[in-house]
């Protein structure tokens, strides 16, 4: 009897085979025969295979469409007759997963791989629906942000640029869809504009200027009713403004910004500093002892009346006024026609406040000793000359320790005498610094950066002996008692 060319059905099979696979899937195939098989050769179309054993291979399907596995070998039937089978072919269809993309805000706006939102905003990421999507997982590189059976949408409010990835399955597809990634870029909002140039002696031609210009923002100007002036840009030039007028400026970047009101003030009188002839743009520190010289600036002649904190100052009717107390100062100007108007207010503040050292705010205590009898009120004491009062100012660090002491205007040149106190890491004062006279009387009582100031005093004046080391050094024992073991002064 002649051996059959093809073994009977059921004697030779390739296990694992549903007739279709997914693109980029890895599948193992095995020859199963009721009889022995030898001299096996494999041929795969549509994928790459690795032979695990003579009867088993692993295939990576990497081509979409129809794929085949051809098997060549010698098989033995039940009668132990060997037969050469030239081709046992197994057909597989390679399915490609759906290429769905993310969309943002609405179904017809496809963002594909990236999108931009404004700082502080939120947006919605969606799967461009296949119906029946399930096991949706939205994630970033750090963590999963949402996971349930139907989360095809995700509302996000990122604070910085971030990439979201979606993995999901679908009842409508044999294969698992590929992960989808979308990068959301957060664009910062433009800062609220800060405008200068809104106070003038009038009539005048003001120029309003945004000082904190953002190069990525656009600026638009509007009138008091919110109507556009059609004058884009960070500056607005006006002409012949005679009365106070309200304008608005808007800074827009990725979305429209808020309206910032800008009030243009036109005064018939202004307060300027006598030293600069300029109107102050903020609080003015009061110079102790000398006061602050203020002047009324007008475009014509008239009379003046100064007031502090809304109260008329008796006798203060000149164009010039020296402020000796802290407070808010104004001047009332009456022109030749009898029309009166008030100036802009100017705040005179204590010059010792709002100081800092090495980035830390300073606190201080001030004590004034009156040397002239009969001076009992605050106003009387403030008017005293240096010879009739003495003032001590002490500055403290964050632990409440004194770090600098001033005898205000106590030197022969009427500058401050300054004593510095420096602590080591143990809270001790290993160096005792000699006091020195401040270089200027313009800032009485104010904190001094003493390292260079003290060295300059003891090496750059003919009033005192030159001393390269104007301090003493104290050494204590390394024990809780911290008893002094040595004191020395270097003399050159």
Protein backbone atom coordinates (compact mmCIF):
# COMPACT_ATOMS: atom_id res chain seq x y z
CA UNK A 1 0.00 0.00 0.00
CA UNK A 2 1.26 3.48 -0.91
CA UNK A 3 1.54 6.08 1.90
CA UNK A 4 -0.91 8.97 1.75
CA UNK A 5 0.50 12.37 0.77
CA UNK A 6 -1.62 14.18 3.34
CA UNK A 7 -2.37 12.73 6.77
CA UNK A 8 -6.02 12.23 7.62
CA UNK A 9 -7.92 15.15 9.18
CA UNK A 10 -7.37 15.43 12.93
CA UNK A 11 -3.97 13.81 12.91
CA UNK A 12 -2.06 17.09 12.41
CA UNK A 13 -3.18 20.42 13.94
CA UNK A 14 -1.75 23.85 14.77
CA UNK A 15 -2.98 24.80 18.20
CA UNK A 16 -3.92 28.42 19.08
CA UNK A 17 -5.84 29.69 16.18
CA UNK A 18 -9.03 31.75 16.06
CA UNK A 19 -8.40 32.81 12.52
CA UNK A 20 -7.48 36.41 13.41
CA UNK A 21 -4.98 38.27 15.54
CA UNK A 22 -4.20 41.87 16.42
CA UNK A 23 -1.45 43.95 14.92
CA UNK A 24 1.73 43.88 17.05
CA UNK A 25 0.42 40.97 19.09
CA UNK A 26 2.75 38.07 20.01
CA UNK A 27 1.21 34.57 19.65
CA UNK A 28 2.61 31.09 20.25
CA UNK A 29 1.76 28.29 17.77
CA UNK A 30 2.36 24.55 18.30
CA UNK A 31 2.10 21.55 16.00
CA UNK A 32 -0.08 18.85 17.53
CA UNK A 33 -0.11 15.40 15.92
CA UNK A 34 -1.36 12.00 16.99
CA UNK A 35 1.81 10.59 15.48
CA UNK A 36 5.41 11.70 15.47
CA UNK A 37 6.66 14.50 13.24
CA UNK A 38 10.20 15.20 12.14
CA UNK A 39 12.18 17.51 9.82
CA UNK A 40 9.78 20.41 10.47
CA UNK A 41 10.23 23.68 8.64
CA UNK A 42 8.26 26.90 9.38
CA UNK A 43 7.45 29.79 7.07
CA UNK A 44 5.53 32.89 8.24
CA UNK A 45 4.10 35.68 6.08
CA UNK A 46 2.98 38.92 7.83
CA UNK A 47 5.10 38.54 10.93
CA UNK A 48 8.43 37.59 12.48
CA UNK A 49 8.78 34.28 14.27
CA UNK A 50 11.11 32.77 16.83
CA UNK A 51 11.44 28.98 17.04
CA UNK A 52 10.97 27.85 20.61
CA UNK A 53 11.27 24.11 19.76
CA UNK A 54 10.98 22.02 16.58
CA UNK A 55 7.21 21.94 17.06
CA UNK A 56 6.58 25.42 18.56
CA UNK A 57 7.12 29.00 17.38
CA UNK A 58 6.30 32.48 18.66
CA UNK A 59 5.09 35.04 16.09
CA UNK A 60 5.04 38.84 16.26
CA UNK A 61 2.36 39.92 13.78
CA UNK A 62 3.59 43.26 12.41
CA UNK A 63 1.81 43.61 9.08
CA UNK A 64 -1.84 44.45 8.72
CA UNK A 65 -3.97 42.21 6.51
CA UNK A 66 -3.73 38.50 5.68
CA UNK A 67 -0.96 36.44 7.21
CA UNK A 68 -0.06 32.77 6.84
CA UNK A 69 1.89 30.05 8.57
CA UNK A 70 3.28 27.27 6.34
CA UNK A 71 4.56 24.04 7.91
CA UNK A 72 6.74 21.52 6.08
CA UNK A 73 7.71 18.21 7.64
CA UNK A 74 7.63 14.44 7.74
CA UNK A 75 4.75 12.84 9.63
CA UNK A 76 4.04 9.23 10.56
CA UNK A 77 0.51 7.86 10.31
CA UNK A 78 -1.11 5.21 12.49
CA UNK A 79 0.31 2.46 10.31
CA UNK A 80 3.75 3.93 10.94
CA UNK A 81 4.12 4.95 7.34
CA UNK A 82 6.15 8.16 6.98
CA UNK A 83 4.70 10.84 4.74
CA UNK A 84 6.23 14.15 3.59
CA UNK A 85 3.75 16.98 3.87
CA UNK A 86 5.00 19.82 1.70
CA UNK A 87 2.67 22.56 3.02
CA UNK A 88 0.29 22.64 5.92
CA UNK A 89 -1.01 26.22 5.63
CA UNK A 90 -2.74 28.16 8.34
CA UNK A 91 -4.32 31.55 7.43
CA UNK A 92 -4.62 34.41 9.92
CA UNK A 93 -6.14 37.84 9.42
CA UNK A 94 -4.16 40.62 11.14
CA UNK A 95 -6.48 43.28 12.55
CA UNK A 96 -5.30 46.85 13.11
CA UNK A 97 -6.60 48.62 16.25
CA UNK A 98 -8.72 51.76 15.74
CA UNK A 99 -6.78 55.03 15.58
CA UNK A 100 -9.06 57.12 17.76
CA UNK A 101 -7.85 60.56 18.94
CA UNK A 102 -8.47 62.86 21.87
CA UNK A 103 -10.62 65.91 21.44
CA UNK A 104 -11.07 68.92 23.65
CA UNK A 105 -14.20 70.86 24.72
CA UNK A 106 -16.44 69.71 21.89
CA UNK A 107 -16.66 66.70 19.58
CA UNK A 108 -15.84 68.60 16.38
CA UNK A 109 -12.61 70.17 17.64
CA UNK A 110 -9.88 67.57 17.26
CA UNK A 111 -6.75 68.47 19.19
CA UNK A 112 -4.81 65.37 18.08
CA UNK A 113 -1.54 65.49 20.00
CA UNK A 114 -1.57 68.81 21.87
CA UNK A 115 -3.56 71.85 22.88
CA UNK A 116 -3.22 75.06 24.91
CA UNK A 117 -5.38 76.39 27.73
CA UNK A 118 -5.10 79.48 29.88
CA UNK A 119 -3.66 79.49 33.37
CA UNK A 120 -6.36 78.85 35.94
CA UNK A 121 -8.71 77.33 33.37
CA UNK A 122 -10.06 73.87 32.87
CA UNK A 123 -10.96 71.80 29.84
CA UNK A 124 -12.54 68.48 28.89
CA UNK A 125 -10.67 65.66 27.20
CA UNK A 126 -12.79 63.12 25.35
CA UNK A 127 -12.44 59.98 23.29
CA UNK A 128 -13.75 60.48 19.78
CA UNK A 129 -16.38 57.96 20.46
CA UNK A 130 -16.58 54.48 19.45
CA UNK A 131 -19.71 53.50 21.30
CA UNK A 132 -19.08 50.80 23.84
CA UNK A 133 -15.67 51.93 25.06
CA UNK A 134 -14.90 50.54 28.52
CA UNK A 135 -12.01 50.12 30.98
CA UNK A 136 -10.95 53.70 30.26
CA UNK A 137 -7.88 54.82 32.21
CA UNK A 138 -6.64 58.41 32.01
CA UNK A 139 -3.16 58.86 33.42
CA UNK A 140 -0.07 61.05 33.51
CA UNK A 141 3.51 59.97 33.89
CA UNK A 142 3.08 60.11 37.65
CA UNK A 143 -0.32 58.63 38.41
CA UNK A 144 -3.70 57.51 37.17
CA UNK A 145 -6.21 60.35 37.33
CA UNK A 146 -9.40 58.45 36.49
CA UNK A 147 -10.44 54.83 36.13
CA UNK A 148 -13.89 53.32 35.64
CA UNK A 149 -15.89 51.47 33.04
CA UNK A 150 -17.19 54.41 31.01
CA UNK A 151 -14.90 57.42 31.63
CA UNK A 152 -14.57 58.46 28.00
CA UNK A 153 -14.43 62.08 29.23
CA UNK A 154 -12.10 63.74 31.73
CA UNK A 155 -12.29 67.33 33.03
CA UNK A 156 -8.81 68.62 33.90
CA UNK A 157 -7.43 71.88 35.31
CA UNK A 158 -3.64 71.54 34.99
CA UNK A 159 -1.37 74.14 36.57
CA UNK A 160 1.57 73.37 34.29
CA UNK A 161 2.21 71.67 30.97
CA UNK A 162 1.33 67.99 31.26
CA UNK A 163 0.68 64.94 29.06
CA UNK A 164 -2.41 62.80 29.56
CA UNK A 165 -2.60 59.23 28.23
CA UNK A 166 -5.79 57.22 27.65
CA UNK A 167 -5.97 53.44 27.43
CA UNK A 168 -9.29 51.73 26.81
CA UNK A 169 -11.06 48.72 25.31
CA UNK A 170 -14.02 48.61 22.95
CA UNK A 171 -16.78 46.11 22.34
CA UNK A 172 -16.71 47.11 18.67
CA UNK A 173 -13.13 46.01 18.03
CA UNK A 174 -11.42 42.67 18.34
CA UNK A 175 -8.12 44.26 19.22
CA UNK A 176 -7.33 46.55 22.12
CA UNK A 177 -6.89 50.14 20.82
CA UNK A 178 -3.46 51.67 21.11
CA UNK A 179 -2.88 54.19 23.95
CA UNK A 180 -3.56 57.81 23.04
CA UNK A 181 -1.48 60.71 24.39
CA UNK A 182 -2.28 64.42 24.45
CA UNK A 183 -0.11 67.25 25.81
CA UNK A 184 -1.88 70.23 27.38
CA UNK A 185 0.23 73.40 27.51
CA UNK A 186 -0.74 75.94 30.17
CA UNK A 187 -0.26 79.50 28.97
CA UNK A 188 0.13 82.11 31.74
CA UNK A 189 -2.29 84.98 31.95
CA UNK A 190 -0.99 88.50 31.52
CA UNK A 191 -0.45 90.35 34.79
CA UNK A 192 -2.84 93.15 35.68
CA UNK A 193 -1.37 96.33 34.18
CA UNK A 194 0.31 98.87 36.46
CA UNK A 195 -0.06 102.34 34.97
CA UNK A 196 1.89 105.50 35.72
CA UNK A 197 1.63 109.03 34.38
CA UNK A 198 -1.92 109.67 35.53
CA UNK A 199 -1.37 112.73 37.76
CA UNK A 200 -0.70 116.11 36.13
CA UNK A 201 -0.82 119.82 36.72
CA UNK A 202 -3.39 120.95 34.22
CA UNK A 203 -4.55 121.46 31.67
CA UNK A 204 -2.02 119.02 30.26
CA UNK A 205 -1.25 116.30 27.72
CA UNK A 206 -0.99 113.10 29.80
CA UNK A 207 0.76 109.95 28.63
CA UNK A 208 -0.41 106.82 30.41
CA UNK A 209 2.22 104.07 30.48
CA UNK A 210 2.02 100.40 31.48
CA UNK A 211 5.17 99.73 33.48
CA UNK A 212 4.94 95.92 33.75
CA UNK A 213 4.69 95.15 30.04
CA UNK A 214 4.30 91.47 29.13
CA UNK A 215 5.82 90.88 25.66
CA UNK A 216 3.27 88.12 25.00
CA UNK A 217 0.27 90.27 25.87
CA UNK A 218 -1.72 92.79 23.89
CA UNK A 219 -2.96 96.01 25.47
CA UNK A 220 -6.14 97.91 24.64
CA UNK A 221 -7.51 101.15 26.07
CA UNK A 222 -11.14 102.05 26.75
CA UNK A 223 -13.04 105.10 27.91
CA UNK A 224 -15.09 105.42 31.10
CA UNK A 225 -18.04 103.64 29.45
CA UNK A 226 -15.98 100.68 28.30
CA UNK A 227 -15.89 101.73 24.63
CA UNK A 228 -12.67 100.99 22.82
CA UNK A 229 -10.45 103.94 21.93
CA UNK A 230 -8.86 101.85 19.13
CA UNK A 231 -5.44 102.76 20.53
CA UNK A 232 -3.66 99.43 21.13
CA UNK A 233 -0.32 99.29 22.88
CA UNK A 234 1.15 99.79 26.37
CA UNK A 235 0.99 103.61 26.10
CA UNK A 236 -1.88 106.03 25.66
CA UNK A 237 -1.15 109.65 24.78
CA UNK A 238 -3.89 112.20 25.45
CA UNK A 239 -4.10 115.88 24.59
CA UNK A 240 -5.54 118.96 26.30
CA UNK A 241 -7.05 117.17 29.29
CA UNK A 242 -8.56 119.75 31.61
CA UNK A 243 -10.46 117.65 34.16
CA UNK A 244 -10.11 114.29 35.83
CA UNK A 245 -11.09 111.47 33.47
CA UNK A 246 -11.51 107.71 33.92
CA UNK A 247 -9.98 105.26 31.44
CA UNK A 248 -9.52 101.50 31.41
CA UNK A 249 -6.70 99.31 30.15
CA UNK A 250 -6.90 95.60 29.38
CA UNK A 251 -4.03 93.13 29.04
CA UNK A 252 -4.92 90.00 27.07
CA UNK A 253 -2.86 86.90 26.39
CA UNK A 254 -4.57 83.56 25.79
CA UNK A 255 -7.88 85.12 26.79
CA UNK A 256 -9.19 88.58 27.52
CA UNK A 257 -7.93 90.09 30.75
CA UNK A 258 -9.76 92.15 33.32
CA UNK A 259 -10.38 95.87 32.94
CA UNK A 260 -8.06 97.92 35.11
CA UNK A 261 -9.39 101.42 35.84
CA UNK A 262 -6.96 104.30 35.40
CA UNK A 263 -8.08 107.62 36.86
CA UNK A 264 -6.36 110.61 35.29
CA UNK A 265 -6.07 113.40 37.87
CA UNK A 266 -5.68 116.98 36.70
CA UNK A 267 -4.83 119.33 39.57
CA UNK A 268 -4.56 123.09 39.63
CA UNK A 269 -1.96 122.65 42.39
CA UNK A 270 0.53 119.87 43.12
CA UNK A 271 2.80 119.08 46.04
CA UNK A 272 6.41 118.50 45.01
CA UNK A 273 9.53 117.79 47.03
CA UNK A 274 11.78 120.82 47.30
CA UNK A 275 14.88 118.67 46.80
CA UNK A 276 13.77 117.18 43.46
CA UNK A 277 10.95 119.47 42.30
CA UNK A 278 9.11 116.24 41.48
CA UNK A 279 5.79 114.96 42.72
CA UNK A 280 6.34 111.96 45.03
CA UNK A 281 5.05 108.64 43.70
CA UNK A 282 4.68 107.01 47.11
CA UNK A 283 5.10 107.59 50.85
CA UNK A 284 7.90 110.01 51.77
CA UNK A 285 10.10 109.24 54.81
CA UNK A 286 10.33 112.07 57.31
CA UNK A 287 13.83 113.37 57.98
CA UNK A 288 14.15 113.63 61.74
CA UNK A 289 15.33 116.98 62.99
CA UNK A 290 15.25 118.68 59.59
CA UNK A 291 11.72 117.72 58.51
CA UNK A 292 10.54 117.35 54.91
CA UNK A 293 10.47 120.43 52.68
CA UNK A 294 7.24 120.47 50.62
CA UNK A 295 6.28 123.03 47.96
CA UNK A 296 3.04 123.86 46.18
CA UNK A 297 3.39 123.97 42.39
CA UNK A 298 0.82 125.91 40.35
CA UNK A 299 0.45 127.47 36.91
CA UNK A 300 -0.52 130.87 38.30
CA UNK A 301 -0.69 133.03 41.41
CA UNK A 302 -3.00 132.65 44.37
CA UNK A 303 -3.15 131.81 48.07
CA UNK A 304 -2.30 128.60 49.93
CA UNK A 305 -3.52 126.75 53.00
CA UNK A 306 -1.80 123.55 54.17
CA UNK A 307 -3.51 120.84 56.15
CA UNK A 308 -2.48 117.55 57.74
CA UNK A 309 -4.84 114.58 58.10
CA UNK A 310 -7.68 116.83 56.94
CA UNK A 311 -7.03 119.46 59.65
CA UNK A 312 -5.95 122.99 58.74
CA UNK A 313 -2.47 123.89 59.98
CA UNK A 314 -2.63 127.36 61.55
CA UNK A 315 -0.23 129.79 59.92
CA UNK A 316 0.76 127.36 57.15
CA UNK A 317 -0.22 129.68 54.29
CA UNK A 318 3.02 129.95 52.34
CA UNK A 319 3.87 128.17 49.09
CA UNK A 320 6.49 126.20 51.04
CA UNK A 321 5.83 124.07 54.11
CA UNK A 322 8.22 122.01 56.21
CA UNK A 323 6.54 118.84 57.46
CA UNK A 324 7.86 117.84 60.88
CA UNK A 325 5.28 115.15 61.71
CA UNK A 326 4.05 112.04 59.99
CA UNK A 327 0.64 112.27 58.34
CA UNK A 328 -1.17 112.97 55.08
CA UNK A 329 -0.52 116.48 53.75
CA UNK A 330 -2.55 118.54 51.27
CA UNK A 331 -2.54 122.16 50.18
CA UNK A 332 -5.64 124.15 49.24
CA UNK A 333 -4.95 126.61 46.40
CA UNK A 334 -7.23 129.54 45.64
CA UNK A 335 -6.59 131.28 42.31
CA UNK A 336 -7.24 134.92 41.39
CA UNK A 337 -10.83 134.13 40.47
CA UNK A 338 -11.56 132.77 43.94
CA UNK A 339 -11.72 129.15 42.80
CA UNK A 340 -10.28 126.73 45.35
CA UNK A 341 -8.96 123.22 44.73
CA UNK A 342 -7.03 120.67 46.75
CA UNK A 343 -3.77 119.07 45.71
CA UNK A 344 -3.06 115.36 45.58
CA UNK A 345 -2.40 113.94 49.09
CA UNK A 346 1.19 113.16 50.10
CA UNK A 347 1.91 110.66 52.88
CA UNK A 348 4.80 111.52 55.19
CA UNK A 349 5.86 108.39 57.08
CA UNK A 350 8.30 107.44 59.82
CA UNK A 351 11.56 106.87 57.99
CA UNK A 352 12.62 104.09 60.35
CA UNK A 353 9.81 101.68 59.42
CA UNK A 354 9.90 99.07 56.64
CA UNK A 355 13.65 98.54 56.85
CA UNK A 356 15.28 95.15 56.35
CA UNK A 357 18.65 93.51 56.87
CA UNK A 358 19.87 90.44 54.94
CA UNK A 359 16.37 89.95 53.60
CA UNK A 360 14.70 90.02 57.03
CA UNK A 361 12.46 92.85 58.29
CA UNK A 362 13.84 94.90 61.16
CA UNK A 363 12.05 95.89 64.33
CA UNK A 364 13.22 98.78 66.45
CA UNK A 365 12.60 100.74 69.62
CA UNK A 366 13.07 104.50 69.87
CA UNK A 367 13.45 106.53 73.08
CA UNK A 368 13.61 110.32 73.16
CA UNK A 369 14.88 112.27 76.17
CA UNK A 370 13.69 115.90 76.38
CA UNK A 371 16.42 118.27 77.58
CA UNK A 372 14.39 121.48 77.44
CA UNK A 373 11.92 122.15 80.28
CA UNK A 374 8.25 122.68 79.59
CA UNK A 375 8.07 120.54 76.42
CA UNK A 376 5.36 117.99 77.11
CA UNK A 377 3.40 117.37 73.90
CA UNK A 378 4.34 115.31 70.88
CA UNK A 379 4.21 118.35 68.60
CA UNK A 380 6.51 120.34 70.91
CA UNK A 381 9.07 117.56 71.13
CA UNK A 382 9.15 117.08 67.37
CA UNK A 383 9.95 120.75 66.90
CA UNK A 384 12.97 120.65 69.25
CA UNK A 385 16.43 121.14 67.79
CA UNK A 386 19.16 118.55 68.35
CA UNK A 387 20.61 120.35 71.39
CA UNK A 388 17.28 120.19 73.21
CA UNK A 389 16.58 116.48 72.89
CA UNK A 390 18.44 113.19 72.56
CA UNK A 391 17.17 110.08 70.83
CA UNK A 392 18.28 106.46 71.12
CA UNK A 393 17.23 103.90 68.48
CA UNK A 394 17.86 100.17 68.97
CA UNK A 395 17.33 97.56 66.23
CA UNK A 396 16.55 93.91 66.98
CA UNK A 397 16.90 90.65 65.07
CA UNK A 398 14.26 87.94 64.76
CA UNK A 399 15.18 86.57 68.21
CA UNK A 400 14.63 89.93 69.88
CA UNK A 401 18.36 90.49 70.42
CA UNK A 402 19.77 94.00 69.92
CA UNK A 403 22.01 94.14 66.84
CA UNK A 404 22.57 97.88 66.40
CA UNK A 405 22.21 100.98 68.58
CA UNK A 406 22.10 104.60 67.45
CA UNK A 407 22.64 107.79 69.37
CA UNK A 408 20.80 109.95 66.84
CA UNK A 409 22.70 113.02 65.62
CA UNK A 410 25.00 112.74 68.66
CA UNK A 411 28.39 113.05 66.96
CA UNK A 412 30.22 116.41 66.76
CA UNK A 413 29.21 116.59 63.08
CA UNK A 414 25.59 115.86 64.08
CA UNK A 415 25.51 112.41 62.51
CA UNK A 416 24.54 109.19 64.30
CA UNK A 417 26.89 107.37 66.65
CA UNK A 418 26.43 103.69 65.76
CA UNK A 419 27.26 100.65 67.91
CA UNK A 420 27.05 97.21 66.27
CA UNK A 421 26.46 93.90 68.06
CA UNK A 422 27.24 90.63 66.21
CA UNK A 423 26.41 87.11 67.44
CA UNK A 424 28.07 83.79 66.64
CA UNK A 425 26.31 80.43 66.13
CA UNK A 426 26.15 79.95 69.92
CA UNK A 427 24.45 83.27 70.55
CA UNK A 428 27.63 84.77 72.02
CA UNK A 429 29.28 88.09 71.12
CA UNK A 430 32.95 87.18 70.57
CA UNK A 431 33.75 90.58 69.04
CA UNK A 432 33.19 93.95 70.67
CA UNK A 433 33.08 96.59 67.92
CA UNK A 434 34.05 100.19 68.54
CA UNK A 435 31.28 102.71 67.83
CA UNK A 436 31.59 104.93 64.78
CA UNK A 437 29.99 108.07 63.40
CA UNK A 438 27.72 107.69 60.38
CA UNK A 439 28.99 109.35 57.22
CA UNK A 440 25.84 111.42 56.59
CA UNK A 441 23.22 113.25 58.60
CA UNK A 442 20.59 112.77 55.88
CA UNK A 443 19.26 109.51 57.36
CA UNK A 444 19.28 109.90 61.14
CA UNK A 445 18.37 106.76 63.04
CA UNK A 446 18.34 104.49 59.99
CA UNK A 447 20.02 101.08 60.06
CA UNK A 448 23.62 101.04 58.85
CA UNK A 449 25.48 98.25 57.03
CA UNK A 450 28.31 98.51 59.48
CA UNK A 451 31.14 96.34 58.09
CA UNK A 452 32.35 98.80 55.47
CA UNK A 453 31.06 101.91 57.28
CA UNK A 454 33.06 101.20 60.44
CA UNK A 455 36.23 100.38 58.52
CA UNK A 456 35.93 103.58 56.50
CA UNK A 457 35.49 105.61 59.70
CA UNK A 458 38.61 104.25 61.43
CA UNK A 459 40.81 104.37 58.35
CA UNK A 460 39.57 107.36 56.42
CA UNK A 461 39.28 110.28 58.85
CA UNK A 462 41.79 112.48 60.60
CA UNK A 463 39.50 112.90 63.62
CA UNK A 464 40.32 109.50 65.13
CA UNK A 465 43.33 107.21 65.24
CA UNK A 466 43.71 104.81 62.31
CA UNK A 467 42.75 101.29 63.40
CA UNK A 468 42.75 98.33 61.00
CA UNK A 469 41.03 96.14 63.62
CA UNK A 470 38.49 98.33 65.47
CA UNK A 471 37.19 95.56 67.71
CA UNK A 472 38.13 93.34 70.63
CA UNK A 473 38.00 89.52 70.66
CA UNK A 474 36.77 87.49 73.63
CA UNK A 475 37.38 83.71 73.95
CA UNK A 476 35.29 81.56 76.29
CA UNK A 477 35.80 77.99 77.47
CA UNK A 478 33.89 75.20 75.76
CA UNK A 479 31.64 74.36 78.69
CA UNK A 480 28.14 75.25 79.84
CA UNK A 481 29.72 77.86 82.12
CA UNK A 482 31.31 79.67 79.16
CA UNK A 483 33.80 81.47 81.32
CA UNK A 484 36.07 84.00 79.63
CA UNK A 485 39.53 82.62 79.03
CA UNK A 486 41.04 85.39 76.93
CA UNK A 487 40.41 88.93 75.72
CA UNK A 488 42.56 90.69 73.18
CA UNK A 489 42.76 93.78 71.06
CA UNK A 490 44.90 93.91 67.93
CA UNK A 491 46.92 97.08 67.65
CA UNK A 492 48.84 98.06 64.53
